[in-house]
């Protein structure tokens, strides 16, 4: 399972429904395409996640500026945690991703 935790940045609560497109990079600078199709109803969030052309689904929540999403990366069984901020003014989610508490790299998506 992969877990995403995003805290809200500069203002507003907003609704995260929509397609988020960007990149995910590892600590060595290797970057890949990263997309999330989020559907938010109240505090519940469902997602289709696309990484390097592979897809998976996930479930989570978004309330009080906190975003949480769990999904299993296609073909890999390790837990990855996305942590970061939501900037509603730029329609952007961004932050670091962690494996076992260690920073593995960064990610950034926009609507």
C-alpha atoms as a PDB file:
ATOM      1  CA  UNK A   1       0.000   0.000   0.000  1.00  0.00           C
ATOM      2  CA  UNK A   2       1.076   3.566  -0.740  1.00  0.00           C
ATOM      3  CA  UNK A   3      -0.072   6.335   1.552  1.00  0.00           C
ATOM      4  CA  UNK A   4      -0.387   9.990   0.663  1.00  0.00           C
ATOM      5  CA  UNK A   5      -0.551  12.700   3.320  1.00  0.00           C
ATOM      6  CA  UNK A   6      -0.876  16.283   2.131  1.00  0.00           C
ATOM      7  CA  UNK A   7      -1.337  19.326   4.349  1.00  0.00           C
ATOM      8  CA  UNK A   8      -2.938  22.459   2.964  1.00  0.00           C
ATOM      9  CA  UNK A   9      -0.629  25.324   2.097  1.00  0.00           C
ATOM     10  CA  UNK A  10      -1.656  28.903   1.421  1.00  0.00           C
ATOM     11  CA  UNK A  11      -5.358  29.228   2.205  1.00  0.00           C
ATOM     12  CA  UNK A  12      -8.764  27.773   1.310  1.00  0.00           C
ATOM     13  CA  UNK A  13     -10.059  24.248   1.720  1.00  0.00           C
ATOM     14  CA  UNK A  14     -11.107  23.611  -1.887  1.00  0.00           C
ATOM     15  CA  UNK A  15     -12.203  20.417  -3.531  1.00  0.00           C
ATOM     16  CA  UNK A  16      -9.555  18.085  -4.958  1.00  0.00           C
ATOM     17  CA  UNK A  17     -11.809  16.502  -7.634  1.00  0.00           C
ATOM     18  CA  UNK A  18     -10.102  16.455 -11.013  1.00  0.00           C
ATOM     19  CA  UNK A  19      -7.057  15.326 -12.938  1.00  0.00           C
ATOM     20  CA  UNK A  20      -3.680  16.162 -11.380  1.00  0.00           C
ATOM     21  CA  UNK A  21      -0.668  15.847 -13.704  1.00  0.00           C
ATOM     22  CA  UNK A  22       3.019  16.264 -12.967  1.00  0.00           C
ATOM     23  CA  UNK A  23       6.157  14.390 -12.042  1.00  0.00           C
ATOM     24  CA  UNK A  24       7.664  12.191  -9.375  1.00  0.00           C
ATOM     25  CA  UNK A  25      11.447  12.187  -8.905  1.00  0.00           C
ATOM     26  CA  UNK A  26      13.820  10.060  -6.874  1.00  0.00           C
ATOM     27  CA  UNK A  27      16.823  11.317  -4.889  1.00  0.00           C
ATOM     28  CA  UNK A  28      19.112  10.589  -7.865  1.00  0.00           C
ATOM     29  CA  UNK A  29      17.147  12.991 -10.063  1.00  0.00           C
ATOM     30  CA  UNK A  30      15.377  10.329 -12.133  1.00  0.00           C
ATOM     31  CA  UNK A  31      11.954  11.797 -13.001  1.00  0.00           C
ATOM     32  CA  UNK A  32       8.814  10.068 -14.242  1.00  0.00           C
ATOM     33  CA  UNK A  33       5.287  11.055 -15.174  1.00  0.00           C
ATOM     34  CA  UNK A  34       2.850  11.058 -12.226  1.00  0.00           C
ATOM     35  CA  UNK A  35      -0.917  11.570 -12.503  1.00  0.00           C
ATOM     36  CA  UNK A  36      -3.881  11.240 -10.181  1.00  0.00           C
ATOM     37  CA  UNK A  37      -7.562  11.368 -11.122  1.00  0.00           C
ATOM     38  CA  UNK A  38      -9.189  12.316  -7.809  1.00  0.00           C
ATOM     39  CA  UNK A  39     -12.886  12.247  -6.948  1.00  0.00           C
ATOM     40  CA  UNK A  40     -13.808  13.945  -3.674  1.00  0.00           C
ATOM     41  CA  UNK A  41     -17.260  13.648  -2.088  1.00  0.00           C
ATOM     42  CA  UNK A  42     -17.294  15.268   1.343  1.00  0.00           C
ATOM     43  CA  UNK A  43     -14.199  14.007   3.155  1.00  0.00           C
ATOM     44  CA  UNK A  44     -13.931  10.832   1.033  1.00  0.00           C
ATOM     45  CA  UNK A  45     -11.468  10.658  -1.868  1.00  0.00           C
ATOM     46  CA  UNK A  46     -11.118   7.927  -4.472  1.00  0.00           C
ATOM     47  CA  UNK A  47      -8.365   7.918  -7.070  1.00  0.00           C
ATOM     48  CA  UNK A  48      -6.934   6.395 -10.165  1.00  0.00           C
ATOM     49  CA  UNK A  49      -3.155   6.770 -10.020  1.00  0.00           C
ATOM     50  CA  UNK A  50      -0.889   6.599 -13.078  1.00  0.00           C
ATOM     51  CA  UNK A  51       2.893   6.260 -12.745  1.00  0.00           C
ATOM     52  CA  UNK A  52       5.051   5.742 -15.799  1.00  0.00           C
ATOM     53  CA  UNK A  53       2.115   4.365 -17.791  1.00  0.00           C
ATOM     54  CA  UNK A  54       1.014   1.912 -15.065  1.00  0.00           C
ATOM     55  CA  UNK A  55      -2.304   2.371 -13.252  1.00  0.00           C
ATOM     56  CA  UNK A  56      -3.813   1.519  -9.877  1.00  0.00           C
ATOM     57  CA  UNK A  57      -6.708   2.733  -7.705  1.00  0.00           C
ATOM     58  CA  UNK A  58      -6.846   4.117  -4.196  1.00  0.00           C
ATOM     59  CA  UNK A  59      -9.079   5.440  -1.417  1.00  0.00           C
ATOM     60  CA  UNK A  60      -8.530   8.140   1.151  1.00  0.00           C
ATOM     61  CA  UNK A  61      -9.792  11.332   2.711  1.00  0.00           C
ATOM     62  CA  UNK A  62      -9.361  15.094   2.665  1.00  0.00           C
ATOM     63  CA  UNK A  63     -10.469  17.254   5.598  1.00  0.00           C
ATOM     64  CA  UNK A  64      -9.122  20.256   7.473  1.00  0.00           C
ATOM     65  CA  UNK A  65      -6.300  20.668   4.977  1.00  0.00           C
ATOM     66  CA  UNK A  66      -5.147  17.051   5.350  1.00  0.00           C
ATOM     67  CA  UNK A  67      -5.125  14.669   2.380  1.00  0.00           C
ATOM     68  CA  UNK A  68      -4.626  10.924   2.778  1.00  0.00           C
ATOM     69  CA  UNK A  69      -4.607   8.389  -0.040  1.00  0.00           C
ATOM     70  CA  UNK A  70      -3.727   4.708   0.050  1.00  0.00           C
ATOM     71  CA  UNK A  71      -2.998   2.666  -3.049  1.00  0.00           C
ATOM     72  CA  UNK A  72      -0.765  -0.174  -4.124  1.00  0.00           C
ATOM     73  CA  UNK A  73       1.866   0.719  -6.690  1.00  0.00           C
ATOM     74  CA  UNK A  74       1.546  -1.635  -9.670  1.00  0.00           C
ATOM     75  CA  UNK A  75       3.893  -4.610  -9.275  1.00  0.00           C
ATOM     76  CA  UNK A  76       5.505  -3.418  -6.020  1.00  0.00           C
ATOM     77  CA  UNK A  77       4.428  -4.252  -2.468  1.00  0.00           C
ATOM     78  CA  UNK A  78       6.368  -1.652  -0.428  1.00  0.00           C
ATOM     79  CA  UNK A  79       4.672   1.243   1.383  1.00  0.00           C
ATOM     80  CA  UNK A  80       5.374   4.743   0.071  1.00  0.00           C
ATOM     81  CA  UNK A  81       4.108   7.870   1.818  1.00  0.00           C
ATOM     82  CA  UNK A  82       3.494  11.106  -0.062  1.00  0.00           C
ATOM     83  CA  UNK A  83       3.758  14.156   2.219  1.00  0.00           C
ATOM     84  CA  UNK A  84       3.310  17.720   1.127  1.00  0.00           C
ATOM     85  CA  UNK A  85       1.139  20.767   0.682  1.00  0.00           C
ATOM     86  CA  UNK A  86      -1.923  21.844  -1.265  1.00  0.00           C
ATOM     87  CA  UNK A  87      -1.797  25.325  -2.788  1.00  0.00           C
ATOM     88  CA  UNK A  88      -5.385  26.078  -3.872  1.00  0.00           C
ATOM     89  CA  UNK A  89      -4.363  29.346  -5.554  1.00  0.00           C
ATOM     90  CA  UNK A  90      -2.003  27.512  -7.929  1.00  0.00           C
ATOM     91  CA  UNK A  91      -4.140  24.313  -8.036  1.00  0.00           C
ATOM     92  CA  UNK A  92      -1.029  22.390  -7.011  1.00  0.00           C
ATOM     93  CA  UNK A  93      -0.189  19.446  -4.752  1.00  0.00           C
ATOM     94  CA  UNK A  94       3.524  18.911  -4.032  1.00  0.00           C
ATOM     95  CA  UNK A  95       5.970  17.479  -1.526  1.00  0.00           C
ATOM     96  CA  UNK A  96       8.311  14.617  -0.716  1.00  0.00           C
ATOM     97  CA  UNK A  97       7.738  10.880  -0.871  1.00  0.00           C
ATOM     98  CA  UNK A  98       9.070   8.568   1.825  1.00  0.00           C
ATOM     99  CA  UNK A  99       9.849   4.861   2.062  1.00  0.00           C
ATOM    100  CA  UNK A 100      10.310   3.520   5.581  1.00  0.00           C
ATOM    101  CA  UNK A 101      10.549   7.079   6.924  1.00  0.00           C
ATOM    102  CA  UNK A 102      13.430   7.927   4.547  1.00  0.00           C
ATOM    103  CA  UNK A 103      13.028  10.546   1.821  1.00  0.00           C
ATOM    104  CA  UNK A 104      12.927   8.822  -1.553  1.00  0.00           C
ATOM    105  CA  UNK A 105      12.377  11.932  -3.644  1.00  0.00           C
ATOM    106  CA  UNK A 106       9.790  14.564  -4.477  1.00  0.00           C
ATOM    107  CA  UNK A 107       6.539  14.912  -6.427  1.00  0.00           C
ATOM    108  CA  UNK A 108       4.478  17.763  -7.888  1.00  0.00           C
ATOM    109  CA  UNK A 109       1.114  17.756  -9.693  1.00  0.00           C
ATOM    110  CA  UNK A 110      -1.202  20.460 -10.995  1.00  0.00           C
ATOM    111  CA  UNK A 111      -4.754  20.622 -12.338  1.00  0.00           C
END
